[in-house]
Amino acid sequence: PAASHEEASRERLDALSQTASATAFDRTPD
């Protein structure tokens, strides 16, 4: 994300992890 999009990016990734689609992805923590 661009600096101006960092917060929105984090929020959307967190929201994705709460959906049924989340099982299709491995989110690599680091």
mmCIF file of all heavy atoms, coordinates in Angstrom:
data_MODEL
# 
_entry.id   MODEL 
# 
loop_
_atom_site.group_PDB 
_atom_site.id 
_atom_site.type_symbol 
_atom_site.label_atom_id 
_atom_site.label_alt_id 
_atom_site.label_comp_id 
_atom_site.label_asym_id 
_atom_site.label_entity_id 
_atom_site.label_seq_id 
_atom_site.pdbx_PDB_ins_code 
_atom_site.Cartn_x 
_atom_site.Cartn_y 
_atom_site.Cartn_z 
_atom_site.occupancy 
_atom_site.B_iso_or_equiv 
_atom_site.pdbx_formal_charge 
_atom_site.auth_seq_id 
_atom_site.auth_comp_id 
_atom_site.auth_asym_id 
_atom_site.auth_atom_id 
_atom_site.pdbx_PDB_model_num 
ATOM 1   N N   . PRO A 1 1  ? 0.818   -1.218  0.000  1.00 0.00 ? 1  PRO A N   1 
ATOM 2   C CA  . PRO A 1 1  ? 0.000   0.000   0.000  1.00 0.00 ? 1  PRO A CA  1 
ATOM 3   C C   . PRO A 1 1  ? 0.847   1.261   0.000  1.00 0.00 ? 1  PRO A C   1 
ATOM 4   O O   . PRO A 1 1  ? 1.928   1.296   0.587  1.00 0.00 ? 1  PRO A O   1 
ATOM 5   C CB  . PRO A 1 1  ? -0.798  -0.113  1.304  1.00 0.00 ? 1  PRO A CB  1 
ATOM 6   C CG  . PRO A 1 1  ? 0.079   -0.924  2.196  1.00 0.00 ? 1  PRO A CG  1 
ATOM 7   C CD  . PRO A 1 1  ? 0.834   -1.878  1.299  1.00 0.00 ? 1  PRO A CD  1 
ATOM 8   N N   . ALA A 1 2  ? 0.337   2.286   -0.662 1.00 0.00 ? 2  ALA A N   1 
ATOM 9   C CA  . ALA A 1 2  ? 0.924   3.625   -0.526 1.00 0.00 ? 2  ALA A CA  1 
ATOM 10  C C   . ALA A 1 2  ? 0.693   4.052   0.921  1.00 0.00 ? 2  ALA A C   1 
ATOM 11  O O   . ALA A 1 2  ? -0.215  3.543   1.603  1.00 0.00 ? 2  ALA A O   1 
ATOM 12  C CB  . ALA A 1 2  ? 0.247   4.586   -1.496 1.00 0.00 ? 2  ALA A CB  1 
ATOM 13  N N   . ALA A 1 3  ? 1.485   4.981   1.397  1.00 0.00 ? 3  ALA A N   1 
ATOM 14  C CA  . ALA A 1 3  ? 1.357   5.427   2.795  1.00 0.00 ? 3  ALA A CA  1 
ATOM 15  C C   . ALA A 1 3  ? -0.073  5.839   3.124  1.00 0.00 ? 3  ALA A C   1 
ATOM 16  O O   . ALA A 1 3  ? -0.591  5.522   4.203  1.00 0.00 ? 3  ALA A O   1 
ATOM 17  C CB  . ALA A 1 3  ? 2.325   6.568   3.070  1.00 0.00 ? 3  ALA A CB  1 
ATOM 18  N N   . SER A 1 4  ? -0.730  6.494   2.195  1.00 0.00 ? 4  SER A N   1 
ATOM 19  C CA  . SER A 1 4  ? -2.093  6.969   2.445  1.00 0.00 ? 4  SER A CA  1 
ATOM 20  C C   . SER A 1 4  ? -3.128  5.842   2.475  1.00 0.00 ? 4  SER A C   1 
ATOM 21  O O   . SER A 1 4  ? -4.261  6.060   2.884  1.00 0.00 ? 4  SER A O   1 
ATOM 22  C CB  . SER A 1 4  ? -2.495  7.997   1.385  1.00 0.00 ? 4  SER A CB  1 
ATOM 23  O OG  . SER A 1 4  ? -2.461  7.414   0.096  1.00 0.00 ? 4  SER A OG  1 
ATOM 24  N N   . HIS A 1 5  ? -2.726  4.643   2.081  1.00 0.00 ? 5  HIS A N   1 
ATOM 25  C CA  . HIS A 1 5  ? -3.657  3.511   2.036  1.00 0.00 ? 5  HIS A CA  1 
ATOM 26  C C   . HIS A 1 5  ? -3.338  2.423   3.062  1.00 0.00 ? 5  HIS A C   1 
ATOM 27  O O   . HIS A 1 5  ? -4.005  1.390   3.091  1.00 0.00 ? 5  HIS A O   1 
ATOM 28  C CB  . HIS A 1 5  ? -3.646  2.874   0.644  1.00 0.00 ? 5  HIS A CB  1 
ATOM 29  C CG  . HIS A 1 5  ? -4.036  3.804   -0.445 1.00 0.00 ? 5  HIS A CG  1 
ATOM 30  N ND1 . HIS A 1 5  ? -3.454  3.768   -1.686 1.00 0.00 ? 5  HIS A ND1 1 
ATOM 31  C CD2 . HIS A 1 5  ? -4.932  4.811   -0.480 1.00 0.00 ? 5  HIS A CD2 1 
ATOM 32  C CE1 . HIS A 1 5  ? -3.982  4.701   -2.443 1.00 0.00 ? 5  HIS A CE1 1 
ATOM 33  N NE2 . HIS A 1 5  ? -4.880  5.351   -1.736 1.00 0.00 ? 5  HIS A NE2 1 
ATOM 34  N N   . GLU A 1 6  ? -2.336  2.640   3.896  1.00 0.00 ? 6  GLU A N   1 
ATOM 35  C CA  . GLU A 1 6  ? -1.913  1.583   4.826  1.00 0.00 ? 6  GLU A CA  1 
ATOM 36  C C   . GLU A 1 6  ? -3.022  1.149   5.778  1.00 0.00 ? 6  GLU A C   1 
ATOM 37  O O   . GLU A 1 6  ? -3.258  -0.036  5.955  1.00 0.00 ? 6  GLU A O   1 
ATOM 38  C CB  . GLU A 1 6  ? -0.672  2.018   5.598  1.00 0.00 ? 6  GLU A CB  1 
ATOM 39  C CG  . GLU A 1 6  ? 0.572   1.953   4.758  1.00 0.00 ? 6  GLU A CG  1 
ATOM 40  C CD  . GLU A 1 6  ? 1.831   2.280   5.532  1.00 0.00 ? 6  GLU A CD  1 
ATOM 41  O OE1 . GLU A 1 6  ? 1.791   2.337   6.785  1.00 0.00 ? 6  GLU A OE1 1 
ATOM 42  O OE2 . GLU A 1 6  ? 2.861   2.479   4.878  1.00 0.00 ? 6  GLU A OE2 1 
ATOM 43  N N   . GLU A 1 7  ? -3.688  2.087   6.393  1.00 0.00 ? 7  GLU A N   1 
ATOM 44  C CA  . GLU A 1 7  ? -4.739  1.737   7.350  1.00 0.00 ? 7  GLU A CA  1 
ATOM 45  C C   . GLU A 1 7  ? -5.886  1.000   6.660  1.00 0.00 ? 7  GLU A C   1 
ATOM 46  O O   . GLU A 1 7  ? -6.354  -0.036  7.138  1.00 0.00 ? 7  GLU A O   1 
ATOM 47  C CB  . GLU A 1 7  ? -5.268  2.978   8.063  1.00 0.00 ? 7  GLU A CB  1 
ATOM 48  C CG  . GLU A 1 7  ? -6.291  2.648   9.139  1.00 0.00 ? 7  GLU A CG  1 
ATOM 49  C CD  . GLU A 1 7  ? -6.750  3.888   9.890  1.00 0.00 ? 7  GLU A CD  1 
ATOM 50  O OE1 . GLU A 1 7  ? -6.091  4.937   9.847  1.00 0.00 ? 7  GLU A OE1 1 
ATOM 51  O OE2 . GLU A 1 7  ? -7.805  3.785   10.544 1.00 0.00 ? 7  GLU A OE2 1 
ATOM 52  N N   . ALA A 1 8  ? -6.332  1.510   5.530  1.00 0.00 ? 8  ALA A N   1 
ATOM 53  C CA  . ALA A 1 8  ? -7.425  0.867   4.795  1.00 0.00 ? 8  ALA A CA  1 
ATOM 54  C C   . ALA A 1 8  ? -7.016  -0.528  4.343  1.00 0.00 ? 8  ALA A C   1 
ATOM 55  O O   . ALA A 1 8  ? -7.824  -1.463  4.387  1.00 0.00 ? 8  ALA A O   1 
ATOM 56  C CB  . ALA A 1 8  ? -7.831  1.714   3.597  1.00 0.00 ? 8  ALA A CB  1 
ATOM 57  N N   . SER A 1 9  ? -5.774  -0.692  3.935  1.00 0.00 ? 9  SER A N   1 
ATOM 58  C CA  . SER A 1 9  ? -5.285  -2.002  3.506  1.00 0.00 ? 9  SER A CA  1 
ATOM 59  C C   . SER A 1 9  ? -5.339  -3.001  4.655  1.00 0.00 ? 9  SER A C   1 
ATOM 60  O O   . SER A 1 9  ? -5.825  -4.124  4.501  1.00 0.00 ? 9  SER A O   1 
ATOM 61  C CB  . SER A 1 9  ? -3.843  -1.870  2.988  1.00 0.00 ? 9  SER A CB  1 
ATOM 62  O OG  . SER A 1 9  ? -3.315  -3.127  2.669  1.00 0.00 ? 9  SER A OG  1 
ATOM 63  N N   . ARG A 1 10 ? -4.851  -2.595  5.821  1.00 0.00 ? 10 ARG A N   1 
ATOM 64  C CA  . ARG A 1 10 ? -4.896  -3.464  7.011  1.00 0.00 ? 10 ARG A CA  1 
ATOM 65  C C   . ARG A 1 10 ? -6.333  -3.837  7.364  1.00 0.00 ? 10 ARG A C   1 
ATOM 66  O O   . ARG A 1 10 ? -6.645  -4.994  7.648  1.00 0.00 ? 10 ARG A O   1 
ATOM 67  C CB  . ARG A 1 10 ? -4.241  -2.759  8.195  1.00 0.00 ? 10 ARG A CB  1 
ATOM 68  C CG  . ARG A 1 10 ? -2.843  -3.203  8.473  1.00 0.00 ? 10 ARG A CG  1 
ATOM 69  C CD  . ARG A 1 10 ? -2.318  -2.674  9.803  1.00 0.00 ? 10 ARG A CD  1 
ATOM 70  N NE  . ARG A 1 10 ? -2.419  -1.230  9.973  1.00 0.00 ? 10 ARG A NE  1 
ATOM 71  C CZ  . ARG A 1 10 ? -1.583  -0.354  9.440  1.00 0.00 ? 10 ARG A CZ  1 
ATOM 72  N NH1 . ARG A 1 10 ? -0.580  -0.758  8.720  1.00 0.00 ? 10 ARG A NH1 1 
ATOM 73  N NH2 . ARG A 1 10 ? -1.744  0.940   9.641  1.00 0.00 ? 10 ARG A NH2 1 
ATOM 74  N N   . GLU A 1 11 ? -7.221  -2.839  7.340  1.00 0.00 ? 11 GLU A N   1 
ATOM 75  C CA  . GLU A 1 11 ? -8.628  -3.089  7.673  1.00 0.00 ? 11 GLU A CA  1 
ATOM 76  C C   . GLU A 1 11 ? -9.260  -4.090  6.704  1.00 0.00 ? 11 GLU A C   1 
ATOM 77  O O   . GLU A 1 11 ? -9.998  -4.989  7.115  1.00 0.00 ? 11 GLU A O   1 
ATOM 78  C CB  . GLU A 1 11 ? -9.414  -1.778  7.665  1.00 0.00 ? 11 GLU A CB  1 
ATOM 79  C CG  . GLU A 1 11 ? -9.082  -0.865  8.824  1.00 0.00 ? 11 GLU A CG  1 
ATOM 80  C CD  . GLU A 1 11 ? -9.715  0.509   8.688  1.00 0.00 ? 11 GLU A CD  1 
ATOM 81  O OE1 . GLU A 1 11 ? -10.419 0.782   7.679  1.00 0.00 ? 11 GLU A OE1 1 
ATOM 82  O OE2 . GLU A 1 11 ? -9.508  1.332   9.601  1.00 0.00 ? 11 GLU A OE2 1 
ATOM 83  N N   . ARG A 1 12 ? -8.980  -3.938  5.431  1.00 0.00 ? 12 ARG A N   1 
ATOM 84  C CA  . ARG A 1 12 ? -9.580  -4.825  4.429  1.00 0.00 ? 12 ARG A CA  1 
ATOM 85  C C   . ARG A 1 12 ? -9.010  -6.240  4.505  1.00 0.00 ? 12 ARG A C   1 
ATOM 86  O O   . ARG A 1 12 ? -9.724  -7.207  4.321  1.00 0.00 ? 12 ARG A O   1 
ATOM 87  C CB  . ARG A 1 12 ? -9.435  -4.226  3.046  1.00 0.00 ? 12 ARG A CB  1 
ATOM 88  C CG  . ARG A 1 12 ? -10.446 -3.080  2.887  1.00 0.00 ? 12 ARG A CG  1 
ATOM 89  C CD  . ARG A 1 12 ? -10.314 -2.338  1.597  1.00 0.00 ? 12 ARG A CD  1 
ATOM 90  N NE  . ARG A 1 12 ? -11.325 -1.309  1.461  1.00 0.00 ? 12 ARG A NE  1 
ATOM 91  C CZ  . ARG A 1 12 ? -11.288 -0.115  2.018  1.00 0.00 ? 12 ARG A CZ  1 
ATOM 92  N NH1 . ARG A 1 12 ? -10.297 0.198   2.826  1.00 0.00 ? 12 ARG A NH1 1 
ATOM 93  N NH2 . ARG A 1 12 ? -12.237 0.774   1.807  1.00 0.00 ? 12 ARG A NH2 1 
ATOM 94  N N   . LEU A 1 13 ? -7.717  -6.356  4.781  1.00 0.00 ? 13 LEU A N   1 
ATOM 95  C CA  . LEU A 1 13 ? -7.130  -7.681  4.962  1.00 0.00 ? 13 LEU A CA  1 
ATOM 96  C C   . LEU A 1 13 ? -7.712  -8.365  6.193  1.00 0.00 ? 13 LEU A C   1 
ATOM 97  O O   . LEU A 1 13 ? -7.999  -9.563  6.173  1.00 0.00 ? 13 LEU A O   1 
ATOM 98  C CB  . LEU A 1 13 ? -5.610  -7.590  5.052  1.00 0.00 ? 13 LEU A CB  1 
ATOM 99  C CG  . LEU A 1 13 ? -4.895  -7.333  3.742  1.00 0.00 ? 13 LEU A CG  1 
ATOM 100 C CD1 . LEU A 1 13 ? -3.424  -6.985  3.988  1.00 0.00 ? 13 LEU A CD1 1 
ATOM 101 C CD2 . LEU A 1 13 ? -5.017  -8.535  2.819  1.00 0.00 ? 13 LEU A CD2 1 
ATOM 102 N N   . ASP A 1 14 ? -7.897  -7.604  7.263  1.00 0.00 ? 14 ASP A N   1 
ATOM 103 C CA  . ASP A 1 14 ? -8.513  -8.159  8.468  1.00 0.00 ? 14 ASP A CA  1 
ATOM 104 C C   . ASP A 1 14 ? -9.954  -8.582  8.186  1.00 0.00 ? 14 ASP A C   1 
ATOM 105 O O   . ASP A 1 14 ? -10.401 -9.641  8.634  1.00 0.00 ? 14 ASP A O   1 
ATOM 106 C CB  . ASP A 1 14 ? -8.472  -7.160  9.627  1.00 0.00 ? 14 ASP A CB  1 
ATOM 107 C CG  . ASP A 1 14 ? -7.066  -6.952  10.167 1.00 0.00 ? 14 ASP A CG  1 
ATOM 108 O OD1 . ASP A 1 14 ? -6.185  -7.793  9.884  1.00 0.00 ? 14 ASP A OD1 1 
ATOM 109 O OD2 . ASP A 1 14 ? -6.851  -5.933  10.857 1.00 0.00 ? 14 ASP A OD2 1 
ATOM 110 N N   . ALA A 1 15 ? -10.692 -7.771  7.420  1.00 0.00 ? 15 ALA A N   1 
ATOM 111 C CA  . ALA A 1 15 ? -12.071 -8.108  7.071  1.00 0.00 ? 15 ALA A CA  1 
ATOM 112 C C   . ALA A 1 15 ? -12.116 -9.362  6.202  1.00 0.00 ? 15 ALA A C   1 
ATOM 113 O O   . ALA A 1 15 ? -12.989 -10.218 6.388  1.00 0.00 ? 15 ALA A O   1 
ATOM 114 C CB  . ALA A 1 15 ? -12.740 -6.932  6.353  1.00 0.00 ? 15 ALA A CB  1 
ATOM 115 N N   . LEU A 1 16 ? -11.176 -9.492  5.274  1.00 0.00 ? 16 LEU A N   1 
ATOM 116 C CA  . LEU A 1 16 ? -11.122 -10.690 4.425  1.00 0.00 ? 16 LEU A CA  1 
ATOM 117 C C   . LEU A 1 16 ? -10.946 -11.943 5.273  1.00 0.00 ? 16 LEU A C   1 
ATOM 118 O O   . LEU A 1 16 ? -11.560 -12.978 5.001  1.00 0.00 ? 16 LEU A O   1 
ATOM 119 C CB  . LEU A 1 16 ? -9.980  -10.582 3.413  1.00 0.00 ? 16 LEU A CB  1 
ATOM 120 C CG  . LEU A 1 16 ? -9.712  -11.829 2.564  1.00 0.00 ? 16 LEU A CG  1 
ATOM 121 C CD1 . LEU A 1 16 ? -10.899 -12.150 1.664  1.00 0.00 ? 16 LEU A CD1 1 
ATOM 122 C CD2 . LEU A 1 16 ? -8.443  -11.659 1.748  1.00 0.00 ? 16 LEU A CD2 1 
ATOM 123 N N   . SER A 1 17 ? -10.145 -11.832 6.323  1.00 0.00 ? 17 SER A N   1 
ATOM 124 C CA  . SER A 1 17 ? -9.890  -13.003 7.169  1.00 0.00 ? 17 SER A CA  1 
ATOM 125 C C   . SER A 1 17 ? -11.138 -13.476 7.905  1.00 0.00 ? 17 SER A C   1 
ATOM 126 O O   . SER A 1 17 ? -11.174 -14.587 8.416  1.00 0.00 ? 17 SER A O   1 
ATOM 127 C CB  . SER A 1 17 ? -8.766  -12.706 8.171  1.00 0.00 ? 17 SER A CB  1 
ATOM 128 O OG  . SER A 1 17 ? -9.206  -11.796 9.150  1.00 0.00 ? 17 SER A OG  1 
ATOM 129 N N   . GLN A 1 18 ? -12.186 -12.660 7.932  1.00 0.00 ? 18 GLN A N   1 
ATOM 130 C CA  . GLN A 1 18 ? -13.430 -13.006 8.607  1.00 0.00 ? 18 GLN A CA  1 
ATOM 131 C C   . GLN A 1 18 ? -14.496 -13.540 7.649  1.00 0.00 ? 18 GLN A C   1 
ATOM 132 O O   . GLN A 1 18 ? -15.619 -13.810 8.063  1.00 0.00 ? 18 GLN A O   1 
ATOM 133 C CB  . GLN A 1 18 ? -13.985 -11.784 9.344  1.00 0.00 ? 18 GLN A CB  1 
ATOM 134 C CG  . GLN A 1 18 ? -13.018 -11.179 10.340 1.00 0.00 ? 18 GLN A CG  1 
ATOM 135 C CD  . GLN A 1 18 ? -12.581 -12.165 11.403 1.00 0.00 ? 18 GLN A CD  1 
ATOM 136 O OE1 . GLN A 1 18 ? -13.398 -12.879 11.969 1.00 0.00 ? 18 GLN A OE1 1 
ATOM 137 N NE2 . GLN A 1 18 ? -11.281 -12.231 11.669 1.00 0.00 ? 18 GLN A NE2 1 
ATOM 138 N N   . THR A 1 19 ? -14.163 -13.703 6.371  1.00 0.00 ? 19 THR A N   1 
ATOM 139 C CA  . THR A 1 19 ? -15.142 -14.148 5.381  1.00 0.00 ? 19 THR A CA  1 
ATOM 140 C C   . THR A 1 19 ? -14.938 -15.611 5.030  1.00 0.00 ? 19 THR A C   1 
ATOM 141 O O   . THR A 1 19 ? -13.903 -16.206 5.340  1.00 0.00 ? 19 THR A O   1 
ATOM 142 C CB  . THR A 1 19 ? -15.026 -13.319 4.076  1.00 0.00 ? 19 THR A CB  1 
ATOM 143 O OG1 . THR A 1 19 ? -13.785 -13.636 3.433  1.00 0.00 ? 19 THR A OG1 1 
ATOM 144 C CG2 . THR A 1 19 ? -15.116 -11.825 4.361  1.00 0.00 ? 19 THR A CG2 1 
ATOM 145 N N   . ALA A 1 20 ? -15.919 -16.191 4.348  1.00 0.00 ? 20 ALA A N   1 
ATOM 146 C CA  . ALA A 1 20 ? -15.805 -17.568 3.882  1.00 0.00 ? 20 ALA A CA  1 
ATOM 147 C C   . ALA A 1 20 ? -14.667 -17.717 2.878  1.00 0.00 ? 20 ALA A C   1 
ATOM 148 O O   . ALA A 1 20 ? -14.063 -18.787 2.762  1.00 0.00 ? 20 ALA A O   1 
ATOM 149 C CB  . ALA A 1 20 ? -17.124 -18.014 3.247  1.00 0.00 ? 20 ALA A CB  1 
ATOM 150 N N   . SER A 1 21 ? -14.330 -16.670 2.154  1.00 0.00 ? 21 SER A N   1 
ATOM 151 C CA  . SER A 1 21 ? -13.242 -16.711 1.168  1.00 0.00 ? 21 SER A CA  1 
ATOM 152 C C   . SER A 1 21 ? -11.876 -16.848 1.822  1.00 0.00 ? 21 SER A C   1 
ATOM 153 O O   . SER A 1 21 ? -10.905 -17.211 1.154  1.00 0.00 ? 21 SER A O   1 
ATOM 154 C CB  . SER A 1 21 ? -13.257 -15.443 0.318  1.00 0.00 ? 21 SER A CB  1 
ATOM 155 O OG  . SER A 1 21 ? -14.452 -15.343 -0.400 1.00 0.00 ? 21 SER A OG  1 
ATOM 156 N N   . ALA A 1 22 ? -11.786 -16.571 3.092  1.00 0.00 ? 22 ALA A N   1 
ATOM 157 C CA  . ALA A 1 22 ? -10.497 -16.609 3.783  1.00 0.00 ? 22 ALA A CA  1 
ATOM 158 C C   . ALA A 1 22 ? -9.843  -17.977 3.717  1.00 0.00 ? 22 ALA A C   1 
ATOM 159 O O   . ALA A 1 22 ? -8.614  -18.078 3.721  1.00 0.00 ? 22 ALA A O   1 
ATOM 160 C CB  . ALA A 1 22 ? -10.663 -16.179 5.238  1.00 0.00 ? 22 ALA A CB  1 
ATOM 161 N N   . THR A 1 23 ? -10.625 -19.033 3.623  1.00 0.00 ? 23 THR A N   1 
ATOM 162 C CA  . THR A 1 23 ? -10.052 -20.376 3.585  1.00 0.00 ? 23 THR A CA  1 
ATOM 163 C C   . THR A 1 23 ? -9.288  -20.651 2.295  1.00 0.00 ? 23 THR A C   1 
ATOM 164 O O   . THR A 1 23 ? -8.497  -21.588 2.234  1.00 0.00 ? 23 THR A O   1 
ATOM 165 C CB  . THR A 1 23 ? -11.144 -21.444 3.765  1.00 0.00 ? 23 THR A CB  1 
ATOM 166 O OG1 . THR A 1 23 ? -12.091 -21.304 2.705  1.00 0.00 ? 23 THR A OG1 1 
ATOM 167 C CG2 . THR A 1 23 ? -11.827 -21.311 5.114  1.00 0.00 ? 23 THR A CG2 1 
ATOM 168 N N   . ALA A 1 24 ? -9.494  -19.842 1.262  1.00 0.00 ? 24 ALA A N   1 
ATOM 169 C CA  . ALA A 1 24 ? -8.795  -20.030 -0.010 1.00 0.00 ? 24 ALA A CA  1 
ATOM 170 C C   . ALA A 1 24 ? -7.384  -19.443 0.022  1.00 0.00 ? 24 ALA A C   1 
ATOM 171 O O   . ALA A 1 24 ? -6.568  -19.743 -0.843 1.00 0.00 ? 24 ALA A O   1 
ATOM 172 C CB  . ALA A 1 24 ? -9.589  -19.384 -1.148 1.00 0.00 ? 24 ALA A CB  1 
ATOM 173 N N   . PHE A 1 25 ? -7.085  -18.622 1.033  1.00 0.00 ? 25 PHE A N   1 
ATOM 174 C CA  . PHE A 1 25 ? -5.799  -17.928 1.101  1.00 0.00 ? 25 PHE A CA  1 
ATOM 175 C C   . PHE A 1 25 ? -5.054  -18.282 2.370  1.00 0.00 ? 25 PHE A C   1 
ATOM 176 O O   . PHE A 1 25 ? -5.650  -18.466 3.424  1.00 0.00 ? 25 PHE A O   1 
ATOM 177 C CB  . PHE A 1 25 ? -6.010  -16.407 1.105  1.00 0.00 ? 25 PHE A CB  1 
ATOM 178 C CG  . PHE A 1 25 ? -6.562  -15.862 -0.163 1.00 0.00 ? 25 PHE A CG  1 
ATOM 179 C CD1 . PHE A 1 25 ? -7.927  -15.676 -0.312 1.00 0.00 ? 25 PHE A CD1 1 
ATOM 180 C CD2 . PHE A 1 25 ? -5.734  -15.534 -1.212 1.00 0.00 ? 25 PHE A CD2 1 
ATOM 181 C CE1 . PHE A 1 25 ? -8.451  -15.162 -1.483 1.00 0.00 ? 25 PHE A CE1 1 
ATOM 182 C CE2 . PHE A 1 25 ? -6.242  -15.018 -2.397 1.00 0.00 ? 25 PHE A CE2 1 
ATOM 183 C CZ  . PHE A 1 25 ? -7.601  -14.831 -2.524 1.00 0.00 ? 25 PHE A CZ  1 
ATOM 184 N N   . ASP A 1 26 ? -3.725  -18.318 2.255  1.00 0.00 ? 26 ASP A N   1 
ATOM 185 C CA  . ASP A 1 26 ? -2.851  -18.347 3.420  1.00 0.00 ? 26 ASP A CA  1 
ATOM 186 C C   . ASP A 1 26 ? -2.284  -16.948 3.540  1.00 0.00 ? 26 ASP A C   1 
ATOM 187 O O   . ASP A 1 26 ? -1.638  -16.460 2.612  1.00 0.00 ? 26 ASP A O   1 
ATOM 188 C CB  . ASP A 1 26 ? -1.691  -19.328 3.229  1.00 0.00 ? 26 ASP A CB  1 
ATOM 189 C CG  . ASP A 1 26 ? -2.135  -20.775 3.187  1.00 0.00 ? 26 ASP A CG  1 
ATOM 190 O OD1 . ASP A 1 26 ? -3.183  -21.090 3.757  1.00 0.00 ? 26 ASP A OD1 1 
ATOM 191 O OD2 . ASP A 1 26 ? -1.422  -21.577 2.562  1.00 0.00 ? 26 ASP A OD2 1 
ATOM 192 N N   . ARG A 1 27 ? -2.562  -16.289 4.650  1.00 0.00 ? 27 ARG A N   1 
ATOM 193 C CA  . ARG A 1 27 ? -1.976  -14.964 4.878  1.00 0.00 ? 27 ARG A CA  1 
ATOM 194 C C   . ARG A 1 27 ? -0.703  -15.155 5.665  1.00 0.00 ? 27 ARG A C   1 
ATOM 195 O O   . ARG A 1 27 ? -0.732  -15.619 6.802  1.00 0.00 ? 27 ARG A O   1 
ATOM 196 C CB  . ARG A 1 27 ? -2.942  -14.057 5.628  1.00 0.00 ? 27 ARG A CB  1 
ATOM 197 C CG  . ARG A 1 27 ? -2.365  -12.665 5.819  1.00 0.00 ? 27 ARG A CG  1 
ATOM 198 C CD  . ARG A 1 27 ? -3.389  -11.730 6.394  1.00 0.00 ? 27 ARG A CD  1 
ATOM 199 N NE  . ARG A 1 27 ? -2.784  -10.447 6.664  1.00 0.00 ? 27 ARG A NE  1 
ATOM 200 C CZ  . ARG A 1 27 ? -3.395  -9.496  7.340  1.00 0.00 ? 27 ARG A CZ  1 
ATOM 201 N NH1 . ARG A 1 27 ? -4.611  -9.678  7.794  1.00 0.00 ? 27 ARG A NH1 1 
ATOM 202 N NH2 . ARG A 1 27 ? -2.790  -8.357  7.548  1.00 0.00 ? 27 ARG A NH2 1 
ATOM 203 N N   . THR A 1 28 ? 0.392   -14.829 5.053  1.00 0.00 ? 28 THR A N   1 
ATOM 204 C CA  . THR A 1 28 ? 1.688   -15.069 5.660  1.00 0.00 ? 28 THR A CA  1 
ATOM 205 C C   . THR A 1 28 ? 1.992   -13.983 6.675  1.00 0.00 ? 28 THR A C   1 
ATOM 206 O O   . THR A 1 28 ? 2.226   -12.834 6.302  1.00 0.00 ? 28 THR A O   1 
ATOM 207 C CB  . THR A 1 28 ? 2.795   -15.092 4.582  1.00 0.00 ? 28 THR A CB  1 
ATOM 208 O OG1 . THR A 1 28 ? 2.422   -16.026 3.576  1.00 0.00 ? 28 THR A OG1 1 
ATOM 209 C CG2 . THR A 1 28 ? 4.125   -15.479 5.178  1.00 0.00 ? 28 THR A CG2 1 
ATOM 210 N N   . PRO A 1 29 ? 1.952   -14.327 7.961  1.00 0.00 ? 29 PRO A N   1 
ATOM 211 C CA  . PRO A 1 29 ? 2.290   -13.319 8.967  1.00 0.00 ? 29 PRO A CA  1 
ATOM 212 C C   . PRO A 1 29 ? 3.795   -13.086 8.985  1.00 0.00 ? 29 PRO A C   1 
ATOM 213 O O   . PRO A 1 29 ? 4.569   -13.988 8.705  1.00 0.00 ? 29 PRO A O   1 
ATOM 214 C CB  . PRO A 1 29 ? 1.819   -13.947 10.277 1.00 0.00 ? 29 PRO A CB  1 
ATOM 215 C CG  . PRO A 1 29 ? 1.834   -15.402 10.021 1.00 0.00 ? 29 PRO A CG  1 
ATOM 216 C CD  . PRO A 1 29 ? 1.601   -15.593 8.552  1.00 0.00 ? 29 PRO A CD  1 
ATOM 217 N N   . ASP A 1 30 ? 4.193   -11.884 9.264  1.00 0.00 ? 30 ASP A N   1 
ATOM 218 C CA  . ASP A 1 30 ? 5.609   -11.559 9.322  1.00 0.00 ? 30 ASP A CA  1 
ATOM 219 C C   . ASP A 1 30 ? 5.748   -10.219 9.994  1.00 0.00 ? 30 ASP A C   1 
ATOM 220 O O   . ASP A 1 30 ? 5.233   -9.234  9.494  1.00 0.00 ? 30 ASP A O   1 
ATOM 221 C CB  . ASP A 1 30 ? 6.181   -11.495 7.914  1.00 0.00 ? 30 ASP A CB  1 
ATOM 222 C CG  . ASP A 1 30 ? 7.698   -11.459 7.905  1.00 0.00 ? 30 ASP A CG  1 
ATOM 223 O OD1 . ASP A 1 30 ? 8.299   -11.008 8.884  1.00 0.00 ? 30 ASP A OD1 1 
ATOM 224 O OD2 . ASP A 1 30 ? 8.259   -11.876 6.910  1.00 0.00 ? 30 ASP A OD2 1 
# 
